[in-house]
Amino acid sequence: MQGIRRGILVAGLLLLVFGLLCLNYTKADSLERHREAARVHGLPPPSASILYGGVLAVILGAGSIGYAIGVRRRTPSQQ
């Protein structure tokens, strides 16, 4: 069970970081700078779908982290 919790925690952290990067990519101070950098590097321009994907990733990542931290260990008497 400890390995599963650790896996959920790591996946949650990765989702959270990915989501925050997506949000930064779409809603930063200098959006024109991000559009220009995306064009130069062949990346998709900031869009609503990237924003909503980032929001979803943040929600799932935070929920996974909360679950991994908050779930209780089972003692032998509980099994």
Protein backbone atom coordinates (compact mmCIF):
# COMPACT_ATOMS: atom_id res chain seq x y z
CA MET A 1 0.00 0.00 0.00
CA GLN A 2 2.90 2.36 0.70
CA GLY A 3 4.07 2.05 -2.91
CA ILE A 4 0.65 2.93 -4.26
CA ARG A 5 0.44 6.02 -2.05
CA ARG A 6 3.89 7.12 -3.18
CA GLY A 7 2.92 6.60 -6.83
CA ILE A 8 -0.27 8.64 -6.40
CA LEU A 9 1.73 11.37 -4.67
CA VAL A 10 4.34 11.53 -7.45
CA ALA A 11 1.66 11.50 -10.17
CA GLY A 12 -0.20 14.26 -8.32
CA LEU A 13 2.92 16.39 -8.07
CA LEU A 14 3.64 15.96 -11.78
CA LEU A 15 0.06 16.85 -12.68
CA LEU A 16 0.15 19.89 -10.44
CA VAL A 17 3.40 21.19 -11.94
CA PHE A 18 2.16 20.53 -15.49
CA GLY A 19 -1.10 22.33 -14.77
CA LEU A 20 0.62 25.34 -13.27
CA LEU A 21 2.95 25.56 -16.27
CA CYS A 22 -0.06 25.43 -18.61
CA LEU A 23 -1.72 28.23 -16.67
CA ASN A 24 1.46 30.30 -16.78
CA TYR A 25 1.75 29.67 -20.53
CA THR A 26 -1.75 30.95 -21.23
CA LYS A 27 -2.19 33.74 -18.67
CA ALA A 28 1.22 35.33 -18.18
CA ASP A 29 1.87 39.08 -18.08
CA SER A 30 3.29 39.27 -21.59
CA LEU A 31 1.00 37.06 -23.67
CA GLU A 32 2.44 38.43 -26.92
CA ARG A 33 5.90 37.28 -25.84
CA HIS A 34 4.52 33.77 -25.27
CA ARG A 35 2.80 33.75 -28.68
CA GLU A 36 6.02 34.83 -30.38
CA ALA A 37 8.09 32.22 -28.54
CA ALA A 38 5.53 29.53 -29.44
CA ARG A 39 5.69 30.51 -33.10
CA VAL A 40 9.49 30.47 -33.15
CA HIS A 41 9.74 27.06 -31.41
CA GLY A 42 6.88 25.42 -33.30
CA LEU A 43 4.63 25.10 -30.24
CA PRO A 44 0.88 25.63 -30.23
CA PRO A 45 -0.14 29.20 -29.41
CA PRO A 46 -1.77 29.86 -26.03
CA SER A 47 -5.45 28.92 -26.28
CA ALA A 48 -8.51 28.20 -24.19
CA SER A 49 -8.04 24.43 -24.49
CA ILE A 50 -4.56 24.68 -22.96
CA LEU A 51 -5.99 26.87 -20.19
CA TYR A 52 -8.81 24.41 -19.40
CA GLY A 53 -6.41 21.46 -19.56
CA GLY A 54 -4.16 23.26 -17.08
CA VAL A 55 -7.08 23.91 -14.75
CA LEU A 56 -8.10 20.24 -14.92
CA ALA A 57 -4.51 19.10 -14.29
CA VAL A 58 -4.22 21.39 -11.24
CA ILE A 59 -7.50 20.07 -9.82
CA LEU A 60 -6.57 16.42 -10.35
CA GLY A 61 -3.02 16.94 -9.09
CA ALA A 62 -4.11 18.73 -5.93
CA GLY A 63 -6.78 16.09 -5.28
CA SER A 64 -4.28 13.28 -5.75
CA ILE A 65 -1.79 14.90 -3.40
CA GLY A 66 -4.50 15.46 -0.80
CA TYR A 67 -5.64 11.85 -1.07
CA ALA A 68 -2.08 10.47 -0.83
CA ILE A 69 -1.35 12.59 2.24
CA GLY A 70 -4.70 12.09 3.92
CA VAL A 71 -5.34 8.38 3.43
CA ARG A 72 -4.77 6.39 6.59
CA ARG A 73 -2.62 3.33 6.89
CA ARG A 74 -4.47 0.19 7.82
CA THR A 75 -3.33 -1.55 10.96
CA PRO A 76 -3.35 -5.36 11.03
CA SER A 77 -6.54 -5.33 13.13
CA GLN A 78 -8.38 -3.36 10.39
CA GLN A 79 -7.64 -5.85 7.61
